[in-house]
Protein backbone atom coordinates (compact mmCIF):
# COMPACT_ATOMS: atom_id res chain seq x y z
CA MET A 1 445.32 156.91 32.33
CA SER A 2 442.89 154.05 32.94
CA LEU A 3 444.25 151.29 35.16
CA ARG A 4 443.15 147.70 34.61
CA PHE A 5 442.18 147.00 38.24
CA GLU A 6 441.37 150.49 39.53
CA ASN A 7 437.85 149.48 40.57
CA GLN A 8 438.75 145.98 41.76
CA THR A 9 439.54 144.73 45.26
CA ILE A 10 441.84 141.71 45.23
CA LEU A 11 442.42 139.61 48.36
CA ILE A 12 445.65 137.60 48.31
CA THR A 13 446.64 135.01 50.90
CA GLY A 14 450.29 134.17 51.50
CA ALA A 15 451.15 137.67 50.29
CA SER A 16 454.26 138.21 52.41
CA SER A 17 456.67 136.35 50.10
CA GLY A 18 457.04 134.21 47.00
CA ILE A 19 454.27 134.02 44.43
CA GLY A 20 451.78 135.91 46.60
CA GLN A 21 454.16 138.84 46.99
CA GLN A 22 454.76 139.04 43.24
CA VAL A 23 451.04 138.80 42.51
CA ALA A 24 450.54 141.76 44.86
CA TYR A 25 453.19 143.78 43.01
CA GLU A 26 451.70 143.01 39.59
CA ALA A 27 448.19 143.89 40.76
CA ALA A 28 449.50 147.08 42.38
CA ARG A 29 450.97 148.21 39.05
CA ALA A 30 447.48 147.85 37.57
CA GLY A 31 445.99 150.07 40.29
CA ALA A 32 444.13 147.45 42.33
CA HIS A 33 442.74 147.87 45.82
CA LEU A 34 444.60 145.16 47.71
CA VAL A 35 443.89 143.13 50.83
CA LEU A 36 447.10 141.32 51.69
CA CYS A 37 447.01 138.43 54.16
CA SER A 38 449.73 136.41 55.85
CA ARG A 39 450.84 135.40 59.33
CA ARG A 40 453.92 137.64 59.09
CA ILE A 41 452.58 141.15 59.62
CA SER A 42 456.06 142.75 59.58
CA ARG A 43 456.70 141.33 56.11
CA LEU A 44 453.27 142.49 54.99
CA GLU A 45 454.14 146.02 56.07
CA GLN A 46 457.11 145.95 53.70
CA VAL A 47 455.05 144.50 50.85
CA LYS A 48 452.37 147.14 51.47
CA LYS A 49 454.90 149.98 51.11
CA GLU A 50 456.18 148.57 47.84
CA CYS A 51 452.64 148.09 46.50
CA GLU A 52 451.81 151.70 47.31
CA ARG A 53 454.97 152.82 45.54
CA LEU A 54 454.02 150.76 42.49
CA GLY A 55 450.60 152.38 42.22
CA ALA A 56 448.05 150.43 44.26
CA LEU A 57 445.11 152.70 45.00
CA ALA A 58 444.68 151.23 48.49
CA VAL A 59 446.44 148.51 50.46
CA THR A 60 445.04 146.83 53.55
CA ILE A 61 446.95 144.18 55.46
CA PHE A 62 445.65 141.51 57.83
CA SER A 63 447.48 138.94 59.93
CA LEU A 64 445.84 135.69 58.83
CA ASP A 65 446.64 132.13 59.84
CA ILE A 66 444.90 130.25 57.03
CA GLY A 67 445.12 127.00 59.00
CA ASN A 68 443.05 128.47 61.84
CA LEU A 69 439.30 128.73 61.23
CA GLU A 70 438.90 131.40 63.91
CA SER A 71 441.49 133.53 62.14
CA ILE A 72 439.49 133.25 58.91
CA GLN A 73 436.32 134.27 60.77
CA SER A 74 438.21 137.29 62.15
CA LEU A 75 439.17 138.28 58.62
CA GLU A 76 435.55 137.98 57.53
CA CYS A 77 434.42 140.25 60.39
CA PHE A 78 437.21 142.70 59.56
CA LEU A 79 436.05 142.96 55.95
CA VAL A 80 432.45 143.52 57.05
CA ASP A 81 433.48 146.19 59.56
CA LYS A 82 435.50 147.97 56.87
CA ASN A 83 432.63 147.58 54.37
CA MET A 84 435.07 146.00 51.93
CA GLN A 85 433.80 144.09 48.90
CA VAL A 86 436.19 141.46 47.53
CA ASP A 87 436.02 141.11 43.76
CA ILE A 88 438.83 138.60 43.29
CA LEU A 89 440.07 136.05 45.82
CA ILE A 90 443.53 134.60 45.16
CA ASN A 91 444.17 131.57 47.37
CA ASN A 92 447.94 131.31 47.38
CA ALA A 93 448.93 130.45 50.97
CA GLY A 94 450.41 127.01 51.47
CA PHE A 95 453.50 125.03 52.33
CA GLY A 96 455.11 121.68 51.64
CA GLN A 97 457.38 119.10 53.17
CA ASP A 98 460.10 117.06 51.48
CA GLN A 99 460.00 113.86 53.51
CA PRO A 100 459.18 110.18 52.97
CA PHE A 101 455.62 109.52 54.06
CA LEU A 102 456.64 106.70 56.39
CA GLU A 103 458.79 109.14 58.37
CA MET A 104 456.08 111.78 58.82
CA GLU A 105 454.24 112.40 62.06
CA ILE A 106 450.47 112.44 61.70
CA GLN A 107 450.38 116.03 62.99
CA GLN A 108 452.50 117.08 60.00
CA VAL A 109 449.92 115.53 57.71
CA ILE A 110 447.08 117.27 59.55
CA ASP A 111 448.86 120.63 59.40
CA LEU A 112 449.43 120.34 55.66
CA PHE A 113 445.76 119.65 55.02
CA LYS A 114 444.63 122.40 57.42
CA VAL A 115 446.64 125.04 55.57
CA ASN A 116 446.64 123.83 51.97
CA VAL A 117 443.08 122.50 51.77
CA LEU A 118 440.71 123.10 54.68
CA GLY A 119 441.64 126.72 55.28
CA LEU A 120 441.44 127.43 51.56
CA MET A 121 437.99 125.84 51.40
CA PHE A 122 436.63 127.72 54.41
CA LEU A 123 437.92 131.10 53.27
CA THR A 124 436.58 130.49 49.77
CA GLN A 125 433.14 129.69 51.17
CA ARG A 126 433.02 132.84 53.30
CA ILE A 127 434.17 135.13 50.47
CA ALA A 128 432.09 133.40 47.78
CA LEU A 129 428.91 133.89 49.80
CA LYS A 130 429.52 137.64 49.57
CA MET A 131 430.28 137.35 45.85
CA VAL A 132 426.90 135.70 45.36
CA ASP A 133 425.26 138.80 46.85
CA GLN A 134 427.36 140.92 44.47
CA LYS A 135 426.40 138.62 41.55
CA LYS A 136 430.01 138.63 40.37
CA GLY A 137 433.51 137.62 41.37
CA GLN A 138 436.43 135.34 40.67
CA VAL A 139 438.26 132.77 42.76
CA ILE A 140 441.78 131.86 41.68
CA ASN A 141 443.25 128.85 43.46
CA ILE A 142 446.99 128.31 43.22
CA ALA A 143 447.43 124.54 43.15
CA SER A 144 450.34 122.73 41.49
CA LEU A 145 451.24 120.36 38.70
CA ALA A 146 452.23 118.14 41.64
CA GLY A 147 448.49 117.65 42.08
CA LYS A 148 448.44 115.98 38.67
CA VAL A 149 451.77 114.10 38.73
CA SER A 150 453.06 113.03 42.15
CA THR A 151 456.73 112.74 43.07
CA PRO A 152 458.62 110.81 45.77
CA ASN A 153 458.85 112.43 49.21
CA TYR A 154 455.94 114.78 48.50
CA ALA A 155 453.08 112.31 48.93
CA VAL A 156 451.06 114.45 51.35
CA TYR A 157 451.81 117.79 49.68
CA ASP A 158 450.84 116.31 46.31
CA ALA A 159 447.63 114.96 47.83
CA THR A 160 446.70 118.42 49.14
CA LYS A 161 447.21 119.97 45.72
CA ALA A 162 445.19 117.23 44.02
CA ALA A 163 442.43 118.03 46.49
CA VAL A 164 442.57 121.74 45.58
CA ILE A 165 442.30 120.90 41.87
CA SER A 166 439.34 118.59 42.42
CA PHE A 167 437.66 121.11 44.73
CA SER A 168 438.14 123.87 42.15
CA ASN A 169 436.67 121.77 39.35
CA ALA A 170 433.49 121.03 41.30
CA LEU A 171 433.19 124.54 42.69
CA ARG A 172 433.47 126.01 39.19
CA MET A 173 430.29 124.21 38.15
CA GLU A 174 428.46 125.25 41.31
CA LEU A 175 429.37 128.92 41.09
CA LYS A 176 429.20 129.55 37.34
CA PRO A 177 425.39 129.99 37.34
CA LEU A 178 425.84 132.55 40.13
CA GLY A 179 428.19 134.72 38.08
CA ILE A 180 431.41 133.64 39.81
CA GLN A 181 434.40 132.33 37.85
CA VAL A 182 436.74 129.72 39.37
CA THR A 183 440.22 129.32 37.92
CA VAL A 184 442.95 126.97 39.09
CA VAL A 185 446.62 127.75 38.38
CA ASN A 186 449.07 124.85 38.44
CA PHE A 187 452.78 125.60 38.49
CA GLY A 188 455.75 123.32 38.33
CA PRO A 189 458.75 124.38 40.47
CA VAL A 190 458.99 128.12 41.19
CA ASP A 191 462.04 129.84 42.66
CA THR A 192 460.46 130.84 45.99
CA PRO A 193 461.20 130.33 49.71
CA PHE A 194 459.11 127.14 49.42
CA PHE A 195 462.28 125.09 48.97
CA ASP A 196 463.91 126.76 51.96
CA ASN A 197 460.98 125.78 54.15
CA VAL A 198 460.90 122.14 53.08
CA GLY A 199 464.62 121.75 53.70
CA SER A 200 465.04 119.95 50.41
CA ALA A 201 468.41 118.46 49.55
CA ARG A 202 467.33 118.84 45.92
CA LYS A 203 466.99 122.62 46.10
CA GLU A 204 470.08 123.37 44.02
CA LYS A 205 469.02 120.92 41.31
CA THR A 206 465.52 122.35 41.23
CA MET A 207 466.67 125.96 41.06
CA SER A 208 469.01 125.20 38.15
CA SER A 209 466.33 123.35 36.18
CA PRO A 210 465.17 124.95 32.90
CA PHE A 211 461.62 124.15 34.00
CA THR A 212 461.80 126.33 37.13
CA LEU A 213 459.88 129.61 36.87
CA SER A 214 460.93 132.81 38.59
CA GLN A 215 458.65 134.45 41.16
CA GLU A 216 458.14 137.31 38.74
CA GLN A 217 457.02 134.99 35.94
CA ALA A 218 454.60 133.21 38.25
CA GLY A 219 453.16 136.49 39.53
CA LYS A 220 452.47 137.74 36.01
CA ILE A 221 450.85 134.45 35.00
CA VAL A 222 448.45 134.62 37.96
CA VAL A 223 447.51 138.27 37.41
CA ASN A 224 446.94 137.62 33.70
CA THR A 225 444.16 135.18 34.65
CA VAL A 226 442.23 137.86 36.54
CA GLY A 227 439.07 138.80 34.69
CA THR A 228 439.33 135.88 32.26
CA LYS A 229 437.09 132.86 31.82
CA LYS A 230 440.03 130.46 31.93
CA ARG A 231 439.23 127.16 33.57
CA GLU A 232 442.81 126.14 34.26
CA VAL A 233 446.33 127.44 33.65
CA ASN A 234 449.31 125.04 33.66
CA ARG A 235 452.91 126.30 33.49
CA PRO A 236 455.57 125.71 32.32
CA VAL A 237 454.12 124.28 29.12
CA LEU A 238 456.53 121.34 28.83
CA LEU A 239 455.71 120.08 32.31
CA ALA A 240 452.01 120.59 31.56
CA ILE A 241 452.47 118.33 28.53
CA GLY A 242 454.15 115.82 30.82
CA SER A 243 451.05 115.80 33.03
CA LYS A 244 448.98 114.98 29.94
CA ILE A 245 451.30 112.10 29.07
CA TYR A 246 450.90 110.79 32.62
CA SER A 247 447.16 110.32 32.06
CA PHE A 248 447.74 107.63 29.42
CA ALA A 249 451.29 106.42 30.21
CA PRO A 250 451.65 106.60 34.01
CA GLN A 251 454.20 103.77 34.26
CA LEU A 252 456.52 105.58 31.86
CA VAL A 253 456.31 108.81 33.85
CA ASP A 254 456.83 106.91 37.13
CA TYR A 255 459.98 105.36 35.66
CA VAL A 256 461.36 108.75 34.58
CA LEU A 257 460.59 110.34 37.95
CA LEU A 258 462.21 107.52 39.91
CA LYS A 259 465.35 107.79 37.77
CA HIS A 260 465.42 111.57 38.33
CA TYR A 261 464.88 111.50 42.10
CA ASN A 262 467.29 108.63 42.71
CA ARG A 263 470.26 110.38 41.10
């Protein structure tokens, strides 16, 4: 039986939990060679075992701190030493903080940008340079609909995701002539440990929302973009429509969001 990804090596950041973990499982079912990266090596060991059980042809794990440039350089050297060619890069690692901007320490802001934006950019550059030599490849950046429509208490997180969207749009034009596809995936809320980490008082409301995707749904959506020429994927559809409305009726959307978050 021919497997969809049997000759493809997919590198996934933030692969130890949440969307990244589910992307790994979906790619494993399709027979991919996987390079799974995260800070939590013990969790990666567990994900690796499950990926092998699901059918991944090879699984390599690497302890990566995406917010540390030296860690990214170490990953690059590791890939060269192992003579590993990355066909698809899925930039998924990131975190958020549910907190009014005026209460945030500047180091929190710096850390968010280091992980969500700067690390993503640096890793993309290092991998894309190799893709240029290969004359093929795909970069999939997991951003967020929050990068299109901002919400209270997520000012910095939303800004990082807007930066990823803008970066992806420019990079797509730069890399297309070189045979490399850039796709950005924007989700609304997804039932992942993200809301545990931000300590959100709104977690229960978010998890019960009809607009919240499961990890499994998100993982399938990401994997379905692999090998396509899609410019952008926005899910769920109703929230994606809301982001379109925001472009020509921002005051209306602001009013609705303020009513929602002040309940």
